[in-house]
PDB file of N, CA and C in Angstrom:
ATOM      1  N   MET A   1       1.978  15.255  10.873  1.00  0.00           N
ATOM      2  CA  MET A   1       1.043  14.172  10.696  1.00  0.00           C
ATOM      3  C   MET A   1       1.531  13.262   9.563  1.00  0.00           C
ATOM      4  N   THR A   2       1.542  11.972   9.821  1.00  0.00           N
ATOM      5  CA  THR A   2       1.978  10.992   8.830  1.00  0.00           C
ATOM      6  C   THR A   2       0.965  10.919   7.691  1.00  0.00           C
ATOM      7  N   ARG A   3       1.488  10.954   6.468  1.00  0.00           N
ATOM      8  CA  ARG A   3       0.653  10.855   5.276  1.00  0.00           C
ATOM      9  C   ARG A   3       0.756   9.438   4.707  1.00  0.00           C
ATOM     10  N   ILE A   4      -0.416   8.866   4.403  1.00  0.00           N
ATOM     11  CA  ILE A   4      -0.463   7.502   3.883  1.00  0.00           C
ATOM     12  C   ILE A   4      -1.242   7.485   2.575  1.00  0.00           C
ATOM     13  N   LEU A   5      -0.649   6.867   1.571  1.00  0.00           N
ATOM     14  CA  LEU A   5      -1.311   6.642   0.293  1.00  0.00           C
ATOM     15  C   LEU A   5      -1.766   5.192   0.245  1.00  0.00           C
ATOM     16  N   VAL A   6      -3.062   4.970   0.025  1.00  0.00           N
ATOM     17  CA  VAL A   6      -3.637   3.640  -0.085  1.00  0.00           C
ATOM     18  C   VAL A   6      -3.945   3.396  -1.560  1.00  0.00           C
ATOM     19  N   ILE A   7      -3.415   2.293  -2.110  1.00  0.00           N
ATOM     20  CA  ILE A   7      -3.660   1.944  -3.509  1.00  0.00           C
ATOM     21  C   ILE A   7      -4.304   0.560  -3.556  1.00  0.00           C
ATOM     22  N   ASP A   8      -5.543   0.515  -4.036  1.00  0.00           N
ATOM     23  CA  ASP A   8      -6.254  -0.756  -4.163  1.00  0.00           C
ATOM     24  C   ASP A   8      -7.353  -0.577  -5.198  1.00  0.00           C
ATOM     25  N   ASP A   9      -7.518  -1.547  -6.089  1.00  0.00           N
ATOM     26  CA  ASP A   9      -8.535  -1.428  -7.128  1.00  0.00           C
ATOM     27  C   ASP A   9      -9.946  -1.684  -6.614  1.00  0.00           C
ATOM     28  N   GLU A  10     -10.092  -2.254  -5.444  1.00  0.00           N
ATOM     29  CA  GLU A  10     -11.409  -2.506  -4.865  1.00  0.00           C
ATOM     30  C   GLU A  10     -11.837  -1.291  -4.044  1.00  0.00           C
ATOM     31  N   SER A  11     -12.906  -0.622  -4.474  1.00  0.00           N
ATOM     32  CA  SER A  11     -13.340   0.603  -3.802  1.00  0.00           C
ATOM     33  C   SER A  11     -13.710   0.362  -2.347  1.00  0.00           C
ATOM     34  N   GLY A  12     -14.296  -0.793  -2.037  1.00  0.00           N
ATOM     35  CA  GLY A  12     -14.658  -1.096  -0.651  1.00  0.00           C
ATOM     36  C   GLY A  12     -13.435  -1.205   0.253  1.00  0.00           C
ATOM     37  N   VAL A  13     -12.378  -1.811  -0.259  1.00  0.00           N
ATOM     38  CA  VAL A  13     -11.132  -1.928   0.514  1.00  0.00           C
ATOM     39  C   VAL A  13     -10.513  -0.550   0.708  1.00  0.00           C
ATOM     40  N   ARG A  14     -10.463   0.235  -0.365  1.00  0.00           N
ATOM     41  CA  ARG A  14      -9.916   1.606  -0.255  1.00  0.00           C
ATOM     42  C   ARG A  14     -10.687   2.404   0.787  1.00  0.00           C
ATOM     43  N   SER A  15     -11.991   2.332   0.724  1.00  0.00           N
ATOM     44  CA  SER A  15     -12.833   3.084   1.654  1.00  0.00           C
ATOM     45  C   SER A  15     -12.610   2.646   3.100  1.00  0.00           C
ATOM     46  N   MET A  16     -12.582   1.338   3.331  1.00  0.00           N
ATOM     47  CA  MET A  16     -12.387   0.809   4.679  1.00  0.00           C
ATOM     48  C   MET A  16     -11.031   1.213   5.237  1.00  0.00           C
ATOM     49  N   LEU A  17      -9.974   1.059   4.428  1.00  0.00           N
ATOM     50  CA  LEU A  17      -8.636   1.410   4.894  1.00  0.00           C
ATOM     51  C   LEU A  17      -8.522   2.912   5.142  1.00  0.00           C
ATOM     52  N   THR A  18      -9.122   3.708   4.274  1.00  0.00           N
ATOM     53  CA  THR A  18      -9.080   5.165   4.441  1.00  0.00           C
ATOM     54  C   THR A  18      -9.770   5.574   5.737  1.00  0.00           C
ATOM     55  N   ARG A  19     -10.957   5.030   5.995  1.00  0.00           N
ATOM     56  CA  ARG A  19     -11.685   5.354   7.226  1.00  0.00           C
ATOM     57  C   ARG A  19     -10.892   4.928   8.462  1.00  0.00           C
ATOM     58  N   LEU A  20     -10.358   3.714   8.439  1.00  0.00           N
ATOM     59  CA  LEU A  20      -9.602   3.191   9.579  1.00  0.00           C
ATOM     60  C   LEU A  20      -8.384   4.063   9.878  1.00  0.00           C
ATOM     61  N   LEU A  21      -7.615   4.360   8.849  1.00  0.00           N
ATOM     62  CA  LEU A  21      -6.387   5.138   9.043  1.00  0.00           C
ATOM     63  C   LEU A  21      -6.683   6.583   9.433  1.00  0.00           C
ATOM     64  N   THR A  22      -7.713   7.166   8.853  1.00  0.00           N
ATOM     65  CA  THR A  22      -8.116   8.527   9.216  1.00  0.00           C
ATOM     66  C   THR A  22      -8.554   8.573  10.673  1.00  0.00           C
ATOM     67  N   HIS A  23      -9.305   7.565  11.084  1.00  0.00           N
ATOM     68  CA  HIS A  23      -9.757   7.465  12.476  1.00  0.00           C
ATOM     69  C   HIS A  23      -8.570   7.417  13.445  1.00  0.00           C
ATOM     70  N   HIS A  24      -7.465   6.851  13.017  1.00  0.00           N
ATOM     71  CA  HIS A  24      -6.269   6.757  13.862  1.00  0.00           C
ATOM     72  C   HIS A  24      -5.341   7.968  13.699  1.00  0.00           C
ATOM     73  N   GLY A  25      -5.810   9.006  13.044  1.00  0.00           N
ATOM     74  CA  GLY A  25      -5.074  10.257  13.005  1.00  0.00           C
ATOM     75  C   GLY A  25      -4.138  10.456  11.828  1.00  0.00           C
ATOM     76  N   TYR A  26      -4.228   9.605  10.827  1.00  0.00           N
ATOM     77  CA  TYR A  26      -3.364   9.747   9.665  1.00  0.00           C
ATOM     78  C   TYR A  26      -4.056  10.556   8.568  1.00  0.00           C
ATOM     79  N   GLN A  27      -3.266  11.248   7.781  1.00  0.00           N
ATOM     80  CA  GLN A  27      -3.782  11.933   6.603  1.00  0.00           C
ATOM     81  C   GLN A  27      -3.691  10.923   5.459  1.00  0.00           C
ATOM     82  N   VAL A  28      -4.819  10.636   4.809  1.00  0.00           N
ATOM     83  CA  VAL A  28      -4.883   9.537   3.849  1.00  0.00           C
ATOM     84  C   VAL A  28      -5.400  10.013   2.491  1.00  0.00           C
ATOM     85  N   ARG A  29      -4.783   9.474   1.461  1.00  0.00           N
ATOM     86  CA  ARG A  29      -5.271   9.635   0.086  1.00  0.00           C
ATOM     87  C   ARG A  29      -5.345   8.239  -0.504  1.00  0.00           C
ATOM     88  N   SER A  30      -6.310   8.020  -1.391  1.00  0.00           N
ATOM     89  CA  SER A  30      -6.416   6.691  -2.000  1.00  0.00           C
ATOM     90  C   SER A  30      -6.476   6.795  -3.514  1.00  0.00           C
ATOM     91  N   GLU A  31      -5.991   5.745  -4.150  1.00  0.00           N
ATOM     92  CA  GLU A  31      -5.967   5.629  -5.605  1.00  0.00           C
ATOM     93  C   GLU A  31      -6.360   4.207  -5.987  1.00  0.00           C
ATOM     94  N   ALA A  32      -6.934   4.039  -7.188  1.00  0.00           N
ATOM     95  CA  ALA A  32      -7.387   2.727  -7.653  1.00  0.00           C
ATOM     96  C   ALA A  32      -6.255   1.857  -8.186  1.00  0.00           C
ATOM     97  N   ASN A  33      -5.129   2.469  -8.565  1.00  0.00           N
ATOM     98  CA  ASN A  33      -3.959   1.721  -9.026  1.00  0.00           C
ATOM     99  C   ASN A  33      -2.746   2.643  -9.010  1.00  0.00           C
ATOM    100  N   GLY A  34      -1.606   2.107  -9.397  1.00  0.00           N
ATOM    101  CA  GLY A  34      -0.372   2.888  -9.355  1.00  0.00           C
ATOM    102  C   GLY A  34      -0.014   3.558 -10.667  1.00  0.00           C
ATOM    103  N   LEU A  35      -0.979   3.665 -11.564  1.00  0.00           N
ATOM    104  CA  LEU A  35      -0.709   4.186 -12.896  1.00  0.00           C
ATOM    105  C   LEU A  35      -0.071   5.578 -12.875  1.00  0.00           C
ATOM    106  N   HIS A  36      -0.552   6.444 -11.999  1.00  0.00           N
ATOM    107  CA  HIS A  36      -0.043   7.823 -11.932  1.00  0.00           C
ATOM    108  C   HIS A  36       0.749   8.064 -10.643  1.00  0.00           C
ATOM    109  N   ILE A  37       1.512   7.065 -10.233  1.00  0.00           N
ATOM    110  CA  ILE A  37       2.191   7.128  -8.939  1.00  0.00           C
ATOM    111  C   ILE A  37       3.137   8.320  -8.816  1.00  0.00           C
ATOM    112  N   SER A  38       3.837   8.671  -9.868  1.00  0.00           N
ATOM    113  CA  SER A  38       4.781   9.793  -9.779  1.00  0.00           C
ATOM    114  C   SER A  38       4.062  11.101  -9.497  1.00  0.00           C
ATOM    115  N   GLU A  39       2.954  11.338 -10.193  1.00  0.00           N
ATOM    116  CA  GLU A  39       2.186  12.567  -9.971  1.00  0.00           C
ATOM    117  C   GLU A  39       1.619  12.616  -8.555  1.00  0.00           C
ATOM    118  N   VAL A  40       1.083  11.478  -8.094  1.00  0.00           N
ATOM    119  CA  VAL A  40       0.508  11.408  -6.753  1.00  0.00           C
ATOM    120  C   VAL A  40       1.586  11.632  -5.699  1.00  0.00           C
ATOM    121  N   MET A  41       2.751  11.047  -5.908  1.00  0.00           N
ATOM    122  CA  MET A  41       3.848  11.225  -4.950  1.00  0.00           C
ATOM    123  C   MET A  41       4.265  12.696  -4.869  1.00  0.00           C
ATOM    124  N   GLU A  42       4.320  13.367  -5.989  1.00  0.00           N
ATOM    125  CA  GLU A  42       4.706  14.783  -6.005  1.00  0.00           C
ATOM    126  C   GLU A  42       3.642  15.653  -5.337  1.00  0.00           C
ATOM    127  N   GLU A  43       2.362  15.363  -5.587  1.00  0.00           N
ATOM    128  CA  GLU A  43       1.265  16.166  -5.019  1.00  0.00           C
ATOM    129  C   GLU A  43       1.061  15.921  -3.535  1.00  0.00           C
ATOM    130  N   PHE A  44       1.081  14.664  -3.124  1.00  0.00           N
ATOM    131  CA  PHE A  44       0.699  14.288  -1.760  1.00  0.00           C
ATOM    132  C   PHE A  44       1.888  14.033  -0.840  1.00  0.00           C
ATOM    133  N   ALA A  45       3.000  13.600  -1.378  1.00  0.00           N
ATOM    134  CA  ALA A  45       4.229  13.313  -0.623  1.00  0.00           C
ATOM    135  C   ALA A  45       3.983  12.423   0.601  1.00  0.00           C
ATOM    136  N   PRO A  46       3.489  11.202   0.379  1.00  0.00           N
ATOM    137  CA  PRO A  46       3.224  10.322   1.516  1.00  0.00           C
ATOM    138  C   PRO A  46       4.500   9.798   2.164  1.00  0.00           C
ATOM    139  N   ASP A  47       4.372   9.479   3.446  1.00  0.00           N
ATOM    140  CA  ASP A  47       5.456   8.841   4.188  1.00  0.00           C
ATOM    141  C   ASP A  47       5.395   7.325   4.011  1.00  0.00           C
ATOM    142  N   LEU A  48       4.176   6.831   3.751  1.00  0.00           N
ATOM    143  CA  LEU A  48       3.917   5.402   3.639  1.00  0.00           C
ATOM    144  C   LEU A  48       2.949   5.150   2.494  1.00  0.00           C
ATOM    145  N   VAL A  49       3.224   4.113   1.721  1.00  0.00           N
ATOM    146  CA  VAL A  49       2.298   3.650   0.680  1.00  0.00           C
ATOM    147  C   VAL A  49       1.863   2.237   1.052  1.00  0.00           C
ATOM    148  N   ILE A  50       0.550   2.039   1.112  1.00  0.00           N
ATOM    149  CA  ILE A  50      -0.016   0.707   1.302  1.00  0.00           C
ATOM    150  C   ILE A  50      -0.618   0.326  -0.044  1.00  0.00           C
ATOM    151  N   THR A  51      -0.061  -0.694  -0.676  1.00  0.00           N
ATOM    152  CA  THR A  51      -0.511  -1.059  -2.015  1.00  0.00           C
ATOM    153  C   THR A  51      -0.941  -2.503  -2.136  1.00  0.00           C
ATOM    154  N   ASP A  52      -2.044  -2.688  -2.828  1.00  0.00           N
ATOM    155  CA  ASP A  52      -2.479  -4.027  -3.216  1.00  0.00           C
ATOM    156  C   ASP A  52      -1.511  -4.513  -4.290  1.00  0.00           C
ATOM    157  N   ILE A  53      -1.475  -5.809  -4.520  1.00  0.00           N
ATOM    158  CA  ILE A  53      -0.583  -6.364  -5.534  1.00  0.00           C
ATOM    159  C   ILE A  53      -1.310  -6.602  -6.854  1.00  0.00           C
ATOM    160  N   ILE A  54      -2.438  -7.280  -6.809  1.00  0.00           N
ATOM    161  CA  ILE A  54      -3.152  -7.636  -8.028  1.00  0.00           C
ATOM    162  C   ILE A  54      -4.132  -6.513  -8.382  1.00  0.00           C
ATOM    163  N   MET A  55      -3.784  -5.735  -9.410  1.00  0.00           N
ATOM    164  CA  MET A  55      -4.618  -4.625  -9.863  1.00  0.00           C
ATOM    165  C   MET A  55      -4.471  -4.474 -11.372  1.00  0.00           C
ATOM    166  N   PRO A  56      -5.526  -4.006 -12.032  1.00  0.00           N
ATOM    167  CA  PRO A  56      -5.416  -3.759 -13.468  1.00  0.00           C
ATOM    168  C   PRO A  56      -4.589  -2.504 -13.748  1.00  0.00           C
ATOM    169  N   GLU A  57      -4.139  -2.356 -14.946  1.00  0.00           N
ATOM    170  CA  GLU A  57      -3.403  -1.200 -15.463  1.00  0.00           C
ATOM    171  C   GLU A  57      -1.992  -1.082 -14.917  1.00  0.00           C
ATOM    172  N   SER A  58      -1.824  -1.004 -13.631  1.00  0.00           N
ATOM    173  CA  SER A  58      -0.493  -0.912 -13.029  1.00  0.00           C
ATOM    174  C   SER A  58      -0.525  -1.663 -11.705  1.00  0.00           C
ATOM    175  N   ASP A  59       0.035  -2.860 -11.681  1.00  0.00           N
ATOM    176  CA  ASP A  59      -0.069  -3.683 -10.484  1.00  0.00           C
ATOM    177  C   ASP A  59       0.878  -3.218  -9.373  1.00  0.00           C
ATOM    178  N   GLY A  60       0.702  -3.828  -8.211  1.00  0.00           N
ATOM    179  CA  GLY A  60       1.466  -3.435  -7.040  1.00  0.00           C
ATOM    180  C   GLY A  60       2.952  -3.700  -7.141  1.00  0.00           C
ATOM    181  N   LEU A  61       3.340  -4.790  -7.793  1.00  0.00           N
ATOM    182  CA  LEU A  61       4.771  -5.077  -7.930  1.00  0.00           C
ATOM    183  C   LEU A  61       5.447  -4.011  -8.787  1.00  0.00           C
ATOM    184  N   GLU A  62       4.793  -3.617  -9.860  1.00  0.00           N
ATOM    185  CA  GLU A  62       5.314  -2.535 -10.701  1.00  0.00           C
ATOM    186  C   GLU A  62       5.379  -1.224  -9.910  1.00  0.00           C
ATOM    187  N   THR A  63       4.348  -0.968  -9.118  1.00  0.00           N
ATOM    188  CA  THR A  63       4.300   0.245  -8.297  1.00  0.00           C
ATOM    189  C   THR A  63       5.422   0.253  -7.265  1.00  0.00           C
ATOM    190  N   ILE A  64       5.632  -0.871  -6.598  1.00  0.00           N
ATOM    191  CA  ILE A  64       6.707  -0.965  -5.608  1.00  0.00           C
ATOM    192  C   ILE A  64       8.061  -0.717  -6.275  1.00  0.00           C
ATOM    193  N   ASN A  65       8.269  -1.332  -7.414  1.00  0.00           N
ATOM    194  CA  ASN A  65       9.528  -1.157  -8.138  1.00  0.00           C
ATOM    195  C   ASN A  65       9.762   0.314  -8.500  1.00  0.00           C
ATOM    196  N   ARG A  66       8.727   0.979  -8.998  1.00  0.00           N
ATOM    197  CA  ARG A  66       8.853   2.401  -9.345  1.00  0.00           C
ATOM    198  C   ARG A  66       9.129   3.250  -8.101  1.00  0.00           C
ATOM    199  N   LEU A  67       8.429   2.951  -7.019  1.00  0.00           N
ATOM    200  CA  LEU A  67       8.649   3.712  -5.776  1.00  0.00           C
ATOM    201  C   LEU A  67      10.083   3.548  -5.289  1.00  0.00           C
ATOM    202  N   ARG A  68      10.604   2.339  -5.299  1.00  0.00           N
ATOM    203  CA  ARG A  68      11.974   2.104  -4.844  1.00  0.00           C
ATOM    204  C   ARG A  68      12.971   2.868  -5.706  1.00  0.00           C
ATOM    205  N   ASN A  69      12.721   2.934  -7.009  1.00  0.00           N
ATOM    206  CA  ASN A  69      13.636   3.636  -7.911  1.00  0.00           C
ATOM    207  C   ASN A  69      13.523   5.153  -7.824  1.00  0.00           C
ATOM    208  N   GLU A  70      12.310   5.665  -7.699  1.00  0.00           N
ATOM    209  CA  GLU A  70      12.085   7.105  -7.745  1.00  0.00           C
ATOM    210  C   GLU A  70      11.963   7.760  -6.364  1.00  0.00           C
ATOM    211  N   TYR A  71      11.486   7.022  -5.371  1.00  0.00           N
ATOM    212  CA  TYR A  71      11.244   7.569  -4.029  1.00  0.00           C
ATOM    213  C   TYR A  71      11.735   6.571  -2.974  1.00  0.00           C
ATOM    214  N   PRO A  72      13.040   6.343  -2.906  1.00  0.00           N
ATOM    215  CA  PRO A  72      13.553   5.300  -2.014  1.00  0.00           C
ATOM    216  C   PRO A  72      13.276   5.552  -0.527  1.00  0.00           C
ATOM    217  N   GLN A  73      12.950   6.778  -0.166  1.00  0.00           N
ATOM    218  CA  GLN A  73      12.711   7.098   1.248  1.00  0.00           C
ATOM    219  C   GLN A  73      11.328   6.669   1.732  1.00  0.00           C
ATOM    220  N   VAL A  74      10.377   6.456   0.824  1.00  0.00           N
ATOM    221  CA  VAL A  74       9.016   6.127   1.231  1.00  0.00           C
ATOM    222  C   VAL A  74       8.951   4.686   1.738  1.00  0.00           C
ATOM    223  N   GLN A  75       8.177   4.489   2.798  1.00  0.00           N
ATOM    224  CA  GLN A  75       7.951   3.152   3.338  1.00  0.00           C
ATOM    225  C   GLN A  75       6.798   2.498   2.576  1.00  0.00           C
ATOM    226  N   ILE A  76       6.818   1.171   2.460  1.00  0.00           N
ATOM    227  CA  ILE A  76       5.799   0.455   1.698  1.00  0.00           C
ATOM    228  C   ILE A  76       5.307  -0.753   2.484  1.00  0.00           C
ATOM    229  N   ILE A  77       3.975  -0.897   2.523  1.00  0.00           N
ATOM    230  CA  ILE A  77       3.341  -2.115   3.010  1.00  0.00           C
ATOM    231  C   ILE A  77       2.549  -2.674   1.833  1.00  0.00           C
ATOM    232  N   ALA A  78       2.802  -3.938   1.474  1.00  0.00           N
ATOM    233  CA  ALA A  78       2.090  -4.595   0.386  1.00  0.00           C
ATOM    234  C   ALA A  78       1.000  -5.488   0.962  1.00  0.00           C
ATOM    235  N   ILE A  79      -0.173  -5.455   0.319  1.00  0.00           N
ATOM    236  CA  ILE A  79      -1.291  -6.295   0.750  1.00  0.00           C
ATOM    237  C   ILE A  79      -1.785  -7.100  -0.449  1.00  0.00           C
ATOM    238  N   SER A  80      -2.261  -8.314  -0.186  1.00  0.00           N
ATOM    239  CA  SER A  80      -2.782  -9.118  -1.291  1.00  0.00           C
ATOM    240  C   SER A  80      -3.675 -10.225  -0.767  1.00  0.00           C
ATOM    241  N   GLY A  81      -4.709 -10.485  -1.556  1.00  0.00           N
ATOM    242  CA  GLY A  81      -5.584 -11.608  -1.284  1.00  0.00           C
ATOM    243  C   GLY A  81      -5.305 -12.767  -2.210  1.00  0.00           C
ATOM    244  N   GLY A  82      -4.351 -12.597  -3.112  1.00  0.00           N
ATOM    245  CA  GLY A  82      -3.971 -13.665  -4.010  1.00  0.00           C
ATOM    246  C   GLY A  82      -4.555 -13.547  -5.399  1.00  0.00           C
ATOM    247  N   GLY A  83      -5.671 -12.834  -5.539  1.00  0.00           N
ATOM    248  CA  GLY A  83      -6.265 -12.679  -6.859  1.00  0.00           C
ATOM    249  C   GLY A  83      -6.767 -13.993  -7.421  1.00  0.00           C
ATOM    250  N   LEU A  84      -6.832 -14.094  -8.722  1.00  0.00           N
ATOM    251  CA  LEU A  84      -7.338 -15.294  -9.377  1.00  0.00           C
ATOM    252  C   LEU A  84      -6.356 -16.450  -9.291  1.00  0.00           C
ATOM    253  N   GLN A  85      -5.091 -16.132  -9.117  1.00  0.00           N
ATOM    254  CA  GLN A  85      -4.062 -17.164  -9.057  1.00  0.00           C
ATOM    255  C   GLN A  85      -3.710 -17.437  -7.592  1.00  0.00           C
ATOM    256  N   ILE A  86      -4.636 -18.055  -6.884  1.00  0.00           N
ATOM    257  CA  ILE A  86      -4.495 -18.268  -5.447  1.00  0.00           C
ATOM    258  C   ILE A  86      -3.194 -18.989  -5.104  1.00  0.00           C
ATOM    259  N   SER A  87      -2.756 -19.894  -5.947  1.00  0.00           N
ATOM    260  CA  SER A  87      -1.556 -20.662  -5.635  1.00  0.00           C
ATOM    261  C   SER A  87      -0.282 -19.836  -5.742  1.00  0.00           C
ATOM    262  N   LEU A  88      -0.372 -18.685  -6.389  1.00  0.00           N
ATOM    263  CA  LEU A  88       0.806 -17.850  -6.568  1.00  0.00           C
ATOM    264  C   LEU A  88       0.792 -16.732  -5.532  1.00  0.00           C
ATOM    265  N   ASP A  89       1.672 -16.807  -4.561  1.00  0.00           N
ATOM    266  CA  ASP A  89       1.746 -15.807  -3.502  1.00  0.00           C
ATOM    267  C   ASP A  89       2.714 -14.708  -3.935  1.00  0.00           C
ATOM    268  N   HIS A  90       2.183 -13.518  -4.168  1.00  0.00           N
ATOM    269  CA  HIS A  90       2.974 -12.402  -4.658  1.00  0.00           C
ATOM    270  C   HIS A  90       3.683 -11.627  -3.538  1.00  0.00           C
ATOM    271  N   LEU A  91       3.316 -11.877  -2.299  1.00  0.00           N
ATOM    272  CA  LEU A  91       3.876 -11.089  -1.207  1.00  0.00           C
ATOM    273  C   LEU A  91       5.388 -11.272  -1.025  1.00  0.00           C
ATOM    274  N   PRO A  92       5.946 -12.484  -1.179  1.00  0.00           N
ATOM    275  CA  PRO A  92       7.410 -12.589  -1.083  1.00  0.00           C
ATOM    276  C   PRO A  92       8.132 -11.757  -2.149  1.00  0.00           C
ATOM    277  N   MET A  93       7.567 -11.690  -3.345  1.00  0.00           N
ATOM    278  CA  MET A  93       8.160 -10.866  -4.401  1.00  0.00           C
ATOM    279  C   MET A  93       8.091  -9.387  -4.018  1.00  0.00           C
ATOM    280  N   ALA A  94       6.981  -8.975  -3.408  1.00  0.00           N
ATOM    281  CA  ALA A  94       6.849  -7.587  -2.954  1.00  0.00           C
ATOM    282  C   ALA A  94       7.939  -7.264  -1.935  1.00  0.00           C
ATOM    283  N   ARG A  95       8.221  -8.200  -1.057  1.00  0.00           N
ATOM    284  CA  ARG A  95       9.278  -8.028  -0.059  1.00  0.00           C
ATOM    285  C   ARG A  95      10.646  -7.889  -0.732  1.00  0.00           C
ATOM    286  N   MET A  96      10.889  -8.727  -1.739  1.00  0.00           N
ATOM    287  CA  MET A  96      12.165  -8.675  -2.454  1.00  0.00           C
ATOM    288  C   MET A  96      12.337  -7.348  -3.197  1.00  0.00           C
ATOM    289  N   LEU A  97      11.233  -6.785  -3.662  1.00  0.00           N
ATOM    290  CA  LEU A  97      11.303  -5.514  -4.386  1.00  0.00           C
ATOM    291  C   LEU A  97      11.431  -4.307  -3.459  1.00  0.00           C
ATOM    292  N   GLY A  98      11.171  -4.505  -2.158  1.00  0.00           N
ATOM    293  CA  GLY A  98      11.393  -3.400  -1.233  1.00  0.00           C
ATOM    294  C   GLY A  98      10.271  -3.054  -0.285  1.00  0.00           C
ATOM    295  N   ALA A  99       9.198  -3.837  -0.248  1.00  0.00           N
ATOM    296  CA  ALA A  99       8.149  -3.584   0.734  1.00  0.00           C
ATOM    297  C   ALA A  99       8.678  -3.900   2.124  1.00  0.00           C
ATOM    298  N   ALA A 100       8.454  -2.994   3.067  1.00  0.00           N
ATOM    299  CA  ALA A 100       8.925  -3.200   4.438  1.00  0.00           C
ATOM    300  C   ALA A 100       8.158  -4.336   5.111  1.00  0.00           C
ATOM    301  N   LEU A 101       6.852  -4.398   4.852  1.00  0.00           N
ATOM    302  CA  LEU A 101       5.993  -5.429   5.437  1.00  0.00           C
ATOM    303  C   LEU A 101       4.982  -5.883   4.404  1.00  0.00           C
ATOM    304  N   THR A 102       4.447  -7.076   4.605  1.00  0.00           N
ATOM    305  CA  THR A 102       3.387  -7.588   3.751  1.00  0.00           C
ATOM    306  C   THR A 102       2.269  -8.140   4.629  1.00  0.00           C
ATOM    307  N   LEU A 103       1.039  -7.974   4.154  1.00  0.00           N
ATOM    308  CA  LEU A 103      -0.131  -8.468   4.874  1.00  0.00           C
ATOM    309  C   LEU A 103      -1.066  -9.161   3.895  1.00  0.00           C
ATOM    310  N   LYS A 104      -1.649 -10.285   4.328  1.00  0.00           N
ATOM    311  CA  LYS A 104      -2.623 -10.995   3.503  1.00  0.00           C
ATOM    312  C   LYS A 104      -4.022 -10.476   3.803  1.00  0.00           C
ATOM    313  N   LYS A 105      -4.823 -10.374   2.734  1.00  0.00           N
ATOM    314  CA  LYS A 105      -6.232 -10.031   2.895  1.00  0.00           C
ATOM    315  C   LYS A 105      -7.000 -11.292   3.277  1.00  0.00           C
ATOM    316  N   PRO A 106      -8.065 -11.201   4.006  1.00  0.00           N
ATOM    317  CA  PRO A 106      -8.626  -9.980   4.565  1.00  0.00           C
ATOM    318  C   PRO A 106      -7.745  -9.441   5.691  1.00  0.00           C
ATOM    319  N   ILE A 107      -7.667  -8.138   5.756  1.00  0.00           N
ATOM    320  CA  ILE A 107      -6.767  -7.480   6.703  1.00  0.00           C
ATOM    321  C   ILE A 107      -7.477  -7.239   8.026  1.00  0.00           C
ATOM    322  N   ASP A 108      -6.827  -7.649   9.093  1.00  0.00           N
ATOM    323  CA  ASP A 108      -7.299  -7.384  10.436  1.00  0.00           C
ATOM    324  C   ASP A 108      -6.946  -5.938  10.778  1.00  0.00           C
ATOM    325  N   ASN A 109      -7.916  -5.161  11.255  1.00  0.00           N
ATOM    326  CA  ASN A 109      -7.693  -3.740  11.543  1.00  0.00           C
ATOM    327  C   ASN A 109      -6.546  -3.494  12.515  1.00  0.00           C
ATOM    328  N   GLU A 110      -6.520  -4.254  13.595  1.00  0.00           N
ATOM    329  CA  GLU A 110      -5.456  -4.079  14.587  1.00  0.00           C
ATOM    330  C   GLU A 110      -4.093  -4.429  14.010  1.00  0.00           C
ATOM    331  N   GLN A 111      -4.063  -5.477  13.197  1.00  0.00           N
ATOM    332  CA  GLN A 111      -2.810  -5.889  12.559  1.00  0.00           C
ATOM    333  C   GLN A 111      -2.302  -4.788  11.620  1.00  0.00           C
ATOM    334  N   LEU A 112      -3.207  -4.163  10.884  1.00  0.00           N
ATOM    335  CA  LEU A 112      -2.806  -3.091   9.976  1.00  0.00           C
ATOM    336  C   LEU A 112      -2.254  -1.897  10.751  1.00  0.00           C
ATOM    337  N   ILE A 113      -2.959  -1.481  11.791  1.00  0.00           N
ATOM    338  CA  ILE A 113      -2.491  -0.331  12.576  1.00  0.00           C
ATOM    339  C   ILE A 113      -1.137  -0.638  13.215  1.00  0.00           C
ATOM    340  N   GLU A 114      -0.967  -1.845  13.711  1.00  0.00           N
ATOM    341  CA  GLU A 114       0.322  -2.267  14.275  1.00  0.00           C
ATOM    342  C   GLU A 114       1.418  -2.196  13.209  1.00  0.00           C
ATOM    343  N   ALA A 115       1.116  -2.666  12.001  1.00  0.00           N
ATOM    344  CA  ALA A 115       2.093  -2.624  10.902  1.00  0.00           C
ATOM    345  C   ALA A 115       2.448  -1.183  10.550  1.00  0.00           C
ATOM    346  N   VAL A 116       1.459  -0.311  10.504  1.00  0.00           N
ATOM    347  CA  VAL A 116       1.712   1.109  10.209  1.00  0.00           C
ATOM    348  C   VAL A 116       2.607   1.713  11.281  1.00  0.00           C
ATOM    349  N   HIS A 117       2.315   1.450  12.542  1.00  0.00           N
ATOM    350  CA  HIS A 117       3.158   1.945  13.644  1.00  0.00           C
ATOM    351  C   HIS A 117       4.587   1.437  13.506  1.00  0.00           C
ATOM    352  N   GLN A 118       4.714   0.161  13.188  1.00  0.00           N
ATOM    353  CA  GLN A 118       6.036  -0.455  13.061  1.00  0.00           C
ATOM    354  C   GLN A 118       6.842   0.200  11.941  1.00  0.00           C
ATOM    355  N   VAL A 119       6.211   0.439  10.818  1.00  0.00           N
ATOM    356  CA  VAL A 119       6.920   0.980   9.649  1.00  0.00           C
ATOM    357  C   VAL A 119       7.202   2.472   9.789  1.00  0.00           C
ATOM    358  N   THR A 120       6.254   3.218  10.336  1.00  0.00           N
ATOM    359  CA  THR A 120       6.423   4.682  10.421  1.00  0.00           C
ATOM    360  C   THR A 120       7.115   5.134  11.695  1.00  0.00           C
ATOM    361  N   GLY A 121       7.101   4.280  12.714  1.00  0.00           N
ATOM    362  CA  GLY A 121       7.706   4.677  13.988  1.00  0.00           C
ATOM    363  C   GLY A 121       6.784   5.560  14.820  1.00  0.00           C
ATOM    364  N   ASP A 122       5.515   5.708  14.420  1.00  0.00           N
ATOM    365  CA  ASP A 122       4.552   6.515  15.182  1.00  0.00           C
ATOM    366  C   ASP A 122       4.147   5.812  16.454  1.00  0.00           C
TER     367      ASP A 122
END
């Protein structure tokens, strides 16, 4: 069973993504940010990380960079609604740092499941 780690500071988004992915047969864990990413990776060993970009304490770009350096085998999907700086699109930077795919919020459920299938090969 594919394991997916969802990282988003918005509890409603984490909950929605967790329910959606669990409903589609994935084993899911969620975190509010990437602050303890190394510990979570060791405990849960996800195949895929879906991370928001704009988050307090440890943002998604920092998380992606750490994942690429420490866990190069893990697949990454970056998501973002733009945050307070709407004019600054962080998703291209996420792609440059190693995210396989990027999605803009609000996320369409079918689009997310399609992206997960594409990245994991399920």
